[in-house]
Amino acid sequence: MLLGMGATPLPFVKVEGLSNDFLVVDLRDAGPAVLDETVAWAREHAPRVCDRRRGVGGDGLLLIGPGQSAGAAASMIVVNADGSRPEMCGNGLRCVAAELAPRSDERSAFVVDTDAGPRPCAVTRAPGSASARVRVEMGTRRITGEHTLELEDAPRTFVAVDVGNPHAIAFVDASEDPEALARSLGPAIELHPIFAPAKTNVEFARFEADGSVTLWVWERGVGITAACGTGACATLAAAIHRDLATVGQAVDLRLPGGPLTIEQDEAGAIVMTGPARAVFRGHWPR
């Protein structure tokens, strides 16, 4: 049995995209039973493995399996640090794509299946480098509504956007601090009944004088994160919906870990471009 007492240690790669960090486990050569068993193990043990003092540390685990759709190179399953399984993770997908791309190739392109559907990825890097620049076609956004919530500071309106997973975005004034708002209001908004039962990721965004956006994210099942790829995509979609940004114009979304470049076309399809790199390799004693 793979996961019982005395089992072989689990090999992983620690990866990060704009300081949003994960443990990647490659199970492409494992059978379906082993993949399912490892997903169950990851959901049970993620809080311990992702603990930054007693474990490896990370925002979650990314399990790579064989492709499910025609022509897909692989599939990605995401397990958050609390053991929950979200539909999608944009930063995680860039990290998985960087791991899948041959180190000998400067450019490679392939499709990765996710619980939100197949996602085409293009990876660019210097041969042999652990760091890469990854472009991902994130699919078509869906605006699901606007909700004005009575919060502790004041009523605020959130644009609800589905980019494969749910987000609620509020745009704040120049005098307001998105970080403070995400930390103080994010937990209650994630669990607000209007977003039940799936809950939601929460974004507070502020447009800057140069046209970029400062963004802080309270991530569902994780908390404050250094970066959130799907959150950046959802924020641009919400900005276009509110006539704060323009279709076809690339915008830099500045997260605590660094910037992501996001663009949306007239059909609502979104492209995300940003970095990813491998940090180290190890084994977890199960």
C-alpha atoms as a PDB file:
ATOM      1  CA  MET A   1       0.000   0.000   0.000  1.00  0.00           C
ATOM      2  CA  LEU A   2       1.414   3.373  -1.018  1.00  0.00           C
ATOM      3  CA  LEU A   3       0.260   5.548   1.851  1.00  0.00           C
ATOM      4  CA  GLY A   4       0.311   3.380   4.959  1.00  0.00           C
ATOM      5  CA  MET A   5       2.744   3.303   7.838  1.00  0.00           C
ATOM      6  CA  GLY A   6       6.242   2.623   6.599  1.00  0.00           C
ATOM      7  CA  ALA A   7       5.301   3.667   3.068  1.00  0.00           C
ATOM      8  CA  THR A   8       7.891   5.101   0.688  1.00  0.00           C
ATOM      9  CA  PRO A   9       8.383   8.855   1.370  1.00  0.00           C
ATOM     10  CA  LEU A  10       6.426  11.104  -0.972  1.00  0.00           C
ATOM     11  CA  PRO A  11       8.678  12.982  -3.442  1.00  0.00           C
ATOM     12  CA  PHE A  12       7.770  16.603  -4.106  1.00  0.00           C
ATOM     13  CA  VAL A  13       9.063  19.807  -5.678  1.00  0.00           C
ATOM     14  CA  LYS A  14       8.654  23.075  -3.772  1.00  0.00           C
ATOM     15  CA  VAL A  15       7.599  25.743  -6.275  1.00  0.00           C
ATOM     16  CA  GLU A  16       6.542  29.377  -6.169  1.00  0.00           C
ATOM     17  CA  GLY A  17       4.893  31.935  -8.393  1.00  0.00           C
ATOM     18  CA  LEU A  18       5.190  35.469  -7.021  1.00  0.00           C
ATOM     19  CA  SER A  19       5.761  33.918  -3.546  1.00  0.00           C
ATOM     20  CA  ASN A  20       2.506  31.927  -3.758  1.00  0.00           C
ATOM     21  CA  ASP A  21       4.127  28.593  -2.898  1.00  0.00           C
ATOM     22  CA  PHE A  22       3.150  24.953  -3.303  1.00  0.00           C
ATOM     23  CA  LEU A  23       4.368  21.389  -3.136  1.00  0.00           C
ATOM     24  CA  VAL A  24       4.086  19.663  -6.521  1.00  0.00           C
ATOM     25  CA  VAL A  25       3.696  15.876  -6.590  1.00  0.00           C
ATOM     26  CA  ASP A  26       4.041  14.248 -10.023  1.00  0.00           C
ATOM     27  CA  LEU A  27       1.792  11.171 -10.334  1.00  0.00           C
ATOM     28  CA  ARG A  28       1.533  10.946 -14.110  1.00  0.00           C
ATOM     29  CA  ASP A  29       2.978   7.423 -14.078  1.00  0.00           C
ATOM     30  CA  ALA A  30       0.837   6.218 -11.177  1.00  0.00           C
ATOM     31  CA  GLY A  31      -2.406   4.352 -11.695  1.00  0.00           C
ATOM     32  CA  PRO A  32      -5.848   5.850 -11.014  1.00  0.00           C
ATOM     33  CA  ALA A  33      -6.108   4.141  -7.620  1.00  0.00           C
ATOM     34  CA  VAL A  34      -2.787   5.590  -6.458  1.00  0.00           C
ATOM     35  CA  LEU A  35      -3.780   9.064  -7.692  1.00  0.00           C
ATOM     36  CA  ASP A  36      -7.116   8.909  -5.857  1.00  0.00           C
ATOM     37  CA  GLU A  37      -5.425   7.624  -2.710  1.00  0.00           C
ATOM     38  CA  THR A  38      -2.827  10.379  -2.814  1.00  0.00           C
ATOM     39  CA  VAL A  39      -5.513  13.052  -3.255  1.00  0.00           C
ATOM     40  CA  ALA A  40      -7.301  11.676  -0.174  1.00  0.00           C
ATOM     41  CA  TRP A  41      -4.005  11.622   1.754  1.00  0.00           C
ATOM     42  CA  ALA A  42      -3.217  15.197   0.687  1.00  0.00           C
ATOM     43  CA  ARG A  43      -6.616  16.467   1.808  1.00  0.00           C
ATOM     44  CA  GLU A  44      -6.176  14.876   5.211  1.00  0.00           C
ATOM     45  CA  HIS A  45      -2.557  15.909   5.778  1.00  0.00           C
ATOM     46  CA  ALA A  46      -2.315  19.255   3.939  1.00  0.00           C
ATOM     47  CA  PRO A  47      -2.554  21.337   7.156  1.00  0.00           C
ATOM     48  CA  ARG A  48       0.441  19.485   8.604  1.00  0.00           C
ATOM     49  CA  VAL A  49       2.520  19.436   5.407  1.00  0.00           C
ATOM     50  CA  CYS A  50       1.821  23.121   4.663  1.00  0.00           C
ATOM     51  CA  ASP A  51       2.559  24.270   8.209  1.00  0.00           C
ATOM     52  CA  ARG A  52       5.441  26.753   7.951  1.00  0.00           C
ATOM     53  CA  ARG A  53       6.971  25.799  11.301  1.00  0.00           C
ATOM     54  CA  ARG A  54       6.340  22.059  11.578  1.00  0.00           C
ATOM     55  CA  GLY A  55       6.028  21.095   7.909  1.00  0.00           C
ATOM     56  CA  VAL A  56       7.502  22.019   4.567  1.00  0.00           C
ATOM     57  CA  GLY A  57       5.356  25.140   4.329  1.00  0.00           C
ATOM     58  CA  GLY A  58       3.121  26.183   1.469  1.00  0.00           C
ATOM     59  CA  ASP A  59      -0.221  27.548   0.343  1.00  0.00           C
ATOM     60  CA  GLY A  60      -1.250  24.103  -0.874  1.00  0.00           C
ATOM     61  CA  LEU A  61      -0.360  20.946  -2.784  1.00  0.00           C
ATOM     62  CA  LEU A  62      -0.532  20.495  -6.558  1.00  0.00           C
ATOM     63  CA  LEU A  63      -0.965  16.903  -7.740  1.00  0.00           C
ATOM     64  CA  ILE A  64      -0.079  16.215 -11.375  1.00  0.00           C
ATOM     65  CA  GLY A  65      -1.912  13.332 -13.021  1.00  0.00           C
ATOM     66  CA  PRO A  66      -2.242  12.101 -16.600  1.00  0.00           C
ATOM     67  CA  GLY A  67      -4.200  14.245 -19.043  1.00  0.00           C
ATOM     68  CA  GLN A  68      -7.942  13.650 -19.201  1.00  0.00           C
ATOM     69  CA  SER A  69      -8.968  15.525 -22.361  1.00  0.00           C
ATOM     70  CA  ALA A  70      -7.779  14.808 -25.892  1.00  0.00           C
ATOM     71  CA  GLY A  71      -4.211  15.975 -26.383  1.00  0.00           C
ATOM     72  CA  ALA A  72      -3.679  17.220 -22.812  1.00  0.00           C
ATOM     73  CA  ALA A  73      -0.168  16.748 -21.441  1.00  0.00           C
ATOM     74  CA  ALA A  74      -1.292  16.353 -17.824  1.00  0.00           C
ATOM     75  CA  SER A  75      -3.947  17.222 -15.276  1.00  0.00           C
ATOM     76  CA  MET A  76      -3.681  19.320 -12.116  1.00  0.00           C
ATOM     77  CA  ILE A  77      -5.510  18.748  -8.832  1.00  0.00           C
ATOM     78  CA  VAL A  78      -5.258  21.503  -6.212  1.00  0.00           C
ATOM     79  CA  VAL A  79      -5.464  20.911  -2.465  1.00  0.00           C
ATOM     80  CA  ASN A  80      -5.463  24.039  -0.306  1.00  0.00           C
ATOM     81  CA  ALA A  81      -3.530  24.327   2.940  1.00  0.00           C
ATOM     82  CA  ASP A  82      -6.708  23.584   4.904  1.00  0.00           C
ATOM     83  CA  GLY A  83      -7.374  20.392   2.926  1.00  0.00           C
ATOM     84  CA  SER A  84     -10.137  21.826   0.727  1.00  0.00           C
ATOM     85  CA  ARG A  85     -10.094  21.220  -3.026  1.00  0.00           C
ATOM     86  CA  PRO A  86     -10.700  24.329  -5.157  1.00  0.00           C
ATOM     87  CA  GLU A  87     -11.551  24.139  -8.831  1.00  0.00           C
ATOM     88  CA  MET A  88      -8.558  26.095 -10.035  1.00  0.00           C
ATOM     89  CA  CYS A  89      -5.380  27.951  -9.053  1.00  0.00           C
ATOM     90  CA  GLY A  90      -3.757  30.302 -11.548  1.00  0.00           C
ATOM     91  CA  ASN A  91      -0.388  30.652  -9.817  1.00  0.00           C
ATOM     92  CA  GLY A  92      -0.361  26.919  -9.184  1.00  0.00           C
ATOM     93  CA  LEU A  93      -1.045  26.226 -12.844  1.00  0.00           C
ATOM     94  CA  ARG A  94       1.898  28.381 -13.906  1.00  0.00           C
ATOM     95  CA  CYS A  95       4.107  26.424 -11.492  1.00  0.00           C
ATOM     96  CA  VAL A  96       2.852  23.080 -12.805  1.00  0.00           C
ATOM     97  CA  ALA A  97       3.404  24.222 -16.394  1.00  0.00           C
ATOM     98  CA  ALA A  98       6.969  25.278 -15.538  1.00  0.00           C
ATOM     99  CA  GLU A  99       7.593  21.816 -14.060  1.00  0.00           C
ATOM    100  CA  LEU A 100       6.109  20.028 -17.070  1.00  0.00           C
ATOM    101  CA  ALA A 101       8.093  22.010 -19.654  1.00  0.00           C
ATOM    102  CA  PRO A 102      11.390  20.369 -20.700  1.00  0.00           C
ATOM    103  CA  ARG A 103      14.363  22.209 -19.158  1.00  0.00           C
ATOM    104  CA  SER A 104      16.207  21.904 -22.460  1.00  0.00           C
ATOM    105  CA  ASP A 105      13.594  23.874 -24.425  1.00  0.00           C
ATOM    106  CA  GLU A 106      13.459  27.667 -24.528  1.00  0.00           C
ATOM    107  CA  ARG A 107       9.782  27.537 -25.528  1.00  0.00           C
ATOM    108  CA  SER A 108       7.124  24.869 -25.166  1.00  0.00           C
ATOM    109  CA  ALA A 109       3.339  24.793 -25.308  1.00  0.00           C
ATOM    110  CA  PHE A 110       0.805  22.238 -24.084  1.00  0.00           C
ATOM    111  CA  VAL A 111      -2.583  21.849 -22.390  1.00  0.00           C
ATOM    112  CA  VAL A 112      -3.129  21.062 -18.702  1.00  0.00           C
ATOM    113  CA  ASP A 113      -6.512  19.778 -17.551  1.00  0.00           C
ATOM    114  CA  THR A 114      -7.943  21.299 -14.355  1.00  0.00           C
ATOM    115  CA  ASP A 115     -11.188  20.878 -12.420  1.00  0.00           C
ATOM    116  CA  ALA A 116     -12.265  24.086 -14.202  1.00  0.00           C
ATOM    117  CA  GLY A 117     -11.474  22.684 -17.663  1.00  0.00           C
ATOM    118  CA  PRO A 118      -8.446  22.434 -19.981  1.00  0.00           C
ATOM    119  CA  ARG A 119      -5.990  25.347 -19.950  1.00  0.00           C
ATOM    120  CA  PRO A 120      -3.427  25.978 -22.749  1.00  0.00           C
ATOM    121  CA  CYS A 121      -0.021  26.994 -21.364  1.00  0.00           C
ATOM    122  CA  ALA A 122       3.081  28.411 -23.045  1.00  0.00           C
ATOM    123  CA  VAL A 123       6.407  28.358 -21.173  1.00  0.00           C
ATOM    124  CA  THR A 124       9.481  30.454 -21.979  1.00  0.00           C
ATOM    125  CA  ARG A 125      12.832  30.154 -20.165  1.00  0.00           C
ATOM    126  CA  ALA A 126      16.565  29.967 -20.582  1.00  0.00           C
ATOM    127  CA  PRO A 127      17.635  26.326 -21.125  1.00  0.00           C
ATOM    128  CA  GLY A 128      18.320  24.580 -17.822  1.00  0.00           C
ATOM    129  CA  SER A 129      16.860  27.384 -15.692  1.00  0.00           C
ATOM    130  CA  ALA A 130      14.533  26.663 -12.772  1.00  0.00           C
ATOM    131  CA  SER A 131      12.681  29.931 -13.474  1.00  0.00           C
ATOM    132  CA  ALA A 132      10.192  30.431 -16.298  1.00  0.00           C
ATOM    133  CA  ARG A 133       7.760  32.928 -17.756  1.00  0.00           C
ATOM    134  CA  VAL A 134       4.369  31.262 -18.265  1.00  0.00           C
ATOM    135  CA  ARG A 135       1.406  32.408 -20.338  1.00  0.00           C
ATOM    136  CA  VAL A 136      -1.914  30.719 -19.585  1.00  0.00           C
ATOM    137  CA  GLU A 137      -5.214  30.948 -21.429  1.00  0.00           C
ATOM    138  CA  MET A 138      -7.495  31.057 -18.398  1.00  0.00           C
ATOM    139  CA  GLY A 139     -10.810  30.517 -20.153  1.00  0.00           C
ATOM    140  CA  THR A 140     -13.850  32.782 -20.318  1.00  0.00           C
ATOM    141  CA  ARG A 141     -14.935  34.782 -17.310  1.00  0.00           C
ATOM    142  CA  ARG A 142     -18.550  34.858 -16.138  1.00  0.00           C
ATOM    143  CA  ILE A 143     -19.966  37.830 -14.233  1.00  0.00           C
ATOM    144  CA  THR A 144     -22.454  36.287 -11.799  1.00  0.00           C
ATOM    145  CA  GLY A 145     -23.796  39.429 -10.153  1.00  0.00           C
ATOM    146  CA  GLU A 146     -23.163  42.441  -7.940  1.00  0.00           C
ATOM    147  CA  HIS A 147     -23.780  42.325  -4.199  1.00  0.00           C
ATOM    148  CA  THR A 148     -23.854  45.218  -1.748  1.00  0.00           C
ATOM    149  CA  LEU A 149     -22.937  43.889   1.701  1.00  0.00           C
ATOM    150  CA  GLU A 150     -23.368  45.644   5.044  1.00  0.00           C
ATOM    151  CA  LEU A 151     -19.895  45.393   6.557  1.00  0.00           C
ATOM    152  CA  GLU A 152     -18.346  46.677   9.757  1.00  0.00           C
ATOM    153  CA  ASP A 153     -16.854  49.761   8.105  1.00  0.00           C
ATOM    154  CA  ALA A 154     -19.542  50.641   5.528  1.00  0.00           C
ATOM    155  CA  PRO A 155     -21.709  49.086   2.807  1.00  0.00           C
ATOM    156  CA  ARG A 156     -19.507  47.839  -0.041  1.00  0.00           C
ATOM    157  CA  THR A 157     -20.400  46.532  -3.477  1.00  0.00           C
ATOM    158  CA  PHE A 158     -18.670  43.401  -4.741  1.00  0.00           C
ATOM    159  CA  VAL A 159     -18.643  42.151  -8.329  1.00  0.00           C
ATOM    160  CA  ALA A 160     -18.992  38.361  -8.321  1.00  0.00           C
ATOM    161  CA  VAL A 161     -16.908  36.728 -11.048  1.00  0.00           C
ATOM    162  CA  ASP A 162     -16.435  33.072 -11.952  1.00  0.00           C
ATOM    163  CA  VAL A 163     -13.116  32.304 -13.673  1.00  0.00           C
ATOM    164  CA  GLY A 164     -13.328  28.586 -12.960  1.00  0.00           C
ATOM    165  CA  ASN A 165     -13.559  29.392  -9.254  1.00  0.00           C
ATOM    166  CA  PRO A 166     -15.573  32.107  -7.464  1.00  0.00           C
ATOM    167  CA  HIS A 167     -14.363  35.615  -6.608  1.00  0.00           C
ATOM    168  CA  ALA A 168     -15.867  38.742  -5.073  1.00  0.00           C
ATOM    169  CA  ILE A 169     -14.086  41.981  -5.973  1.00  0.00           C
ATOM    170  CA  ALA A 170     -14.418  45.425  -4.419  1.00  0.00           C
ATOM    171  CA  PHE A 171     -12.713  48.526  -5.845  1.00  0.00           C
ATOM    172  CA  VAL A 172     -11.501  50.948  -3.185  1.00  0.00           C
ATOM    173  CA  ASP A 173     -10.687  54.644  -3.118  1.00  0.00           C
ATOM    174  CA  ALA A 174      -7.165  56.030  -3.428  1.00  0.00           C
ATOM    175  CA  SER A 175      -7.124  56.804   0.302  1.00  0.00           C
ATOM    176  CA  GLU A 176      -8.010  53.237   1.353  1.00  0.00           C
ATOM    177  CA  ASP A 177      -5.610  50.392   2.132  1.00  0.00           C
ATOM    178  CA  PRO A 178      -6.478  47.163   0.249  1.00  0.00           C
ATOM    179  CA  GLU A 179      -4.283  45.090   2.574  1.00  0.00           C
ATOM    180  CA  ALA A 180      -6.004  46.261   5.727  1.00  0.00           C
ATOM    181  CA  LEU A 181      -9.419  45.687   4.160  1.00  0.00           C
ATOM    182  CA  ALA A 182      -8.536  42.181   2.950  1.00  0.00           C
ATOM    183  CA  ARG A 183      -7.228  41.213   6.377  1.00  0.00           C
ATOM    184  CA  SER A 184     -10.112  42.685   8.370  1.00  0.00           C
ATOM    185  CA  LEU A 185     -13.074  41.967   6.077  1.00  0.00           C
ATOM    186  CA  GLY A 186     -11.918  38.998   3.984  1.00  0.00           C
ATOM    187  CA  PRO A 187     -12.805  36.214   6.459  1.00  0.00           C
ATOM    188  CA  ALA A 188     -16.415  37.344   6.897  1.00  0.00           C
ATOM    189  CA  ILE A 189     -16.961  37.896   3.178  1.00  0.00           C
ATOM    190  CA  GLU A 190     -15.541  34.457   2.292  1.00  0.00           C
ATOM    191  CA  LEU A 191     -18.175  32.884   4.574  1.00  0.00           C
ATOM    192  CA  HIS A 192     -21.046  35.283   3.810  1.00  0.00           C
ATOM    193  CA  PRO A 193     -24.328  33.400   3.234  1.00  0.00           C
ATOM    194  CA  ILE A 194     -24.785  35.020  -0.180  1.00  0.00           C
ATOM    195  CA  PHE A 195     -21.741  33.032  -1.406  1.00  0.00           C
ATOM    196  CA  ALA A 196     -22.784  29.731   0.193  1.00  0.00           C
ATOM    197  CA  PRO A 197     -22.233  26.863  -0.060  1.00  0.00           C
ATOM    198  CA  ALA A 198     -19.000  27.144  -2.090  1.00  0.00           C
ATOM    199  CA  LYS A 199     -17.771  30.309  -0.265  1.00  0.00           C
ATOM    200  CA  THR A 200     -15.674  32.790  -2.248  1.00  0.00           C
ATOM    201  CA  ASN A 201     -12.246  34.290  -2.753  1.00  0.00           C
ATOM    202  CA  VAL A 202     -12.196  37.991  -1.845  1.00  0.00           C
ATOM    203  CA  GLU A 203     -10.306  40.815  -3.585  1.00  0.00           C
ATOM    204  CA  PHE A 204      -9.771  44.460  -2.679  1.00  0.00           C
ATOM    205  CA  ALA A 205      -8.365  46.424  -5.629  1.00  0.00           C
ATOM    206  CA  ARG A 206      -7.127  49.993  -6.033  1.00  0.00           C
ATOM    207  CA  PHE A 207      -6.345  51.639  -9.375  1.00  0.00           C
ATOM    208  CA  GLU A 208      -3.105  53.620  -9.404  1.00  0.00           C
ATOM    209  CA  ALA A 209      -2.168  56.737 -11.391  1.00  0.00           C
ATOM    210  CA  ASP A 210      -0.121  54.700 -13.896  1.00  0.00           C
ATOM    211  CA  GLY A 211      -3.068  52.440 -14.770  1.00  0.00           C
ATOM    212  CA  SER A 212      -1.848  49.467 -12.764  1.00  0.00           C
ATOM    213  CA  VAL A 213      -3.905  47.899  -9.976  1.00  0.00           C
ATOM    214  CA  THR A 214      -2.793  47.225  -6.417  1.00  0.00           C
ATOM    215  CA  LEU A 215      -4.478  44.003  -5.332  1.00  0.00           C
ATOM    216  CA  TRP A 216      -4.775  42.095  -2.073  1.00  0.00           C
ATOM    217  CA  VAL A 217      -6.534  38.734  -1.916  1.00  0.00           C
ATOM    218  CA  TRP A 218      -8.143  36.798   0.900  1.00  0.00           C
ATOM    219  CA  GLU A 219      -8.054  33.329  -0.635  1.00  0.00           C
ATOM    220  CA  ARG A 220     -10.778  30.832   0.160  1.00  0.00           C
ATOM    221  CA  GLY A 221      -9.358  28.046   2.336  1.00  0.00           C
ATOM    222  CA  VAL A 222      -5.968  29.768   2.689  1.00  0.00           C
ATOM    223  CA  GLY A 223      -6.253  33.366   3.910  1.00  0.00           C
ATOM    224  CA  ILE A 224      -4.003  36.218   2.779  1.00  0.00           C
ATOM    225  CA  THR A 225      -1.714  35.080  -0.026  1.00  0.00           C
ATOM    226  CA  ALA A 226       1.243  36.771  -1.685  1.00  0.00           C
ATOM    227  CA  ALA A 227      -0.406  36.331  -5.080  1.00  0.00           C
ATOM    228  CA  CYS A 228      -3.503  34.838  -6.685  1.00  0.00           C
ATOM    229  CA  GLY A 229      -3.628  34.267 -10.432  1.00  0.00           C
ATOM    230  CA  THR A 230      -7.351  33.655 -10.698  1.00  0.00           C
ATOM    231  CA  GLY A 231      -7.944  36.624  -8.399  1.00  0.00           C
ATOM    232  CA  ALA A 232      -5.985  38.878 -10.729  1.00  0.00           C
ATOM    233  CA  CYS A 233      -7.969  37.586 -13.715  1.00  0.00           C
ATOM    234  CA  ALA A 234     -11.286  38.073 -11.920  1.00  0.00           C
ATOM    235  CA  THR A 235     -10.293  41.581 -10.863  1.00  0.00           C
ATOM    236  CA  LEU A 236      -9.596  42.697 -14.425  1.00  0.00           C
ATOM    237  CA  ALA A 237     -12.881  41.132 -15.543  1.00  0.00           C
ATOM    238  CA  ALA A 238     -14.706  43.053 -12.795  1.00  0.00           C
ATOM    239  CA  ALA A 239     -12.910  46.273 -13.757  1.00  0.00           C
ATOM    240  CA  ILE A 240     -13.987  45.911 -17.390  1.00  0.00           C
ATOM    241  CA  HIS A 241     -17.531  45.131 -16.219  1.00  0.00           C
ATOM    242  CA  ARG A 242     -17.511  48.387 -14.213  1.00  0.00           C
ATOM    243  CA  ASP A 243     -15.949  50.377 -17.112  1.00  0.00           C
ATOM    244  CA  LEU A 244     -12.747  50.914 -15.164  1.00  0.00           C
ATOM    245  CA  ALA A 245     -10.565  49.090 -17.725  1.00  0.00           C
ATOM    246  CA  THR A 246     -10.639  48.395 -21.457  1.00  0.00           C
ATOM    247  CA  VAL A 247     -11.074  45.152 -23.395  1.00  0.00           C
ATOM    248  CA  GLY A 248      -7.871  44.156 -25.190  1.00  0.00           C
ATOM    249  CA  GLN A 249      -5.605  46.288 -22.993  1.00  0.00           C
ATOM    250  CA  ALA A 250      -3.003  44.449 -20.893  1.00  0.00           C
ATOM    251  CA  VAL A 251      -3.018  45.576 -17.253  1.00  0.00           C
ATOM    252  CA  ASP A 252      -0.443  44.955 -14.529  1.00  0.00           C
ATOM    253  CA  LEU A 253      -2.049  43.639 -11.365  1.00  0.00           C
ATOM    254  CA  ARG A 254       0.401  44.341  -8.532  1.00  0.00           C
ATOM    255  CA  LEU A 255       0.140  41.756  -5.767  1.00  0.00           C
ATOM    256  CA  PRO A 256       2.333  41.551  -2.646  1.00  0.00           C
ATOM    257  CA  GLY A 257       4.555  38.964  -4.352  1.00  0.00           C
ATOM    258  CA  GLY A 258       4.893  40.915  -7.606  1.00  0.00           C
ATOM    259  CA  PRO A 259       2.994  41.789 -10.801  1.00  0.00           C
ATOM    260  CA  LEU A 260       0.891  39.651 -13.124  1.00  0.00           C
ATOM    261  CA  THR A 261      -0.059  40.859 -16.601  1.00  0.00           C
ATOM    262  CA  ILE A 262      -3.714  40.186 -17.450  1.00  0.00           C
ATOM    263  CA  GLU A 263      -5.666  40.783 -20.646  1.00  0.00           C
ATOM    264  CA  GLN A 264      -9.280  40.088 -21.638  1.00  0.00           C
ATOM    265  CA  ASP A 265     -10.676  39.932 -25.164  1.00  0.00           C
ATOM    266  CA  GLU A 266     -14.123  40.908 -26.436  1.00  0.00           C
ATOM    267  CA  ALA A 267     -15.474  37.393 -25.867  1.00  0.00           C
ATOM    268  CA  GLY A 268     -14.449  37.494 -22.203  1.00  0.00           C
ATOM    269  CA  ALA A 269     -11.481  35.141 -22.615  1.00  0.00           C
ATOM    270  CA  ILE A 270      -8.611  35.993 -20.258  1.00  0.00           C
ATOM    271  CA  VAL A 271      -4.857  35.507 -20.620  1.00  0.00           C
ATOM    272  CA  MET A 272      -2.503  35.593 -17.632  1.00  0.00           C
ATOM    273  CA  THR A 273       1.285  35.971 -17.868  1.00  0.00           C
ATOM    274  CA  GLY A 274       3.703  35.733 -14.973  1.00  0.00           C
ATOM    275  CA  PRO A 275       6.710  33.942 -13.477  1.00  0.00           C
ATOM    276  CA  ALA A 276       7.116  30.536 -11.854  1.00  0.00           C
ATOM    277  CA  ARG A 277      10.131  28.662 -10.524  1.00  0.00           C
ATOM    278  CA  ALA A 278      11.227  25.528  -8.711  1.00  0.00           C
ATOM    279  CA  VAL A 279      12.780  26.178  -5.290  1.00  0.00           C
ATOM    280  CA  PHE A 280      13.943  22.744  -4.096  1.00  0.00           C
ATOM    281  CA  ARG A 281      13.134  19.041  -4.186  1.00  0.00           C
ATOM    282  CA  GLY A 282      12.511  16.788  -1.232  1.00  0.00           C
ATOM    283  CA  HIS A 283      10.622  13.832   0.255  1.00  0.00           C
ATOM    284  CA  TRP A 284       7.838  13.919   2.845  1.00  0.00           C
ATOM    285  CA  PRO A 285       7.949  11.029   5.366  1.00  0.00           C
ATOM    286  CA  ARG A 286       4.396   9.717   5.410  1.00  0.00           C
END
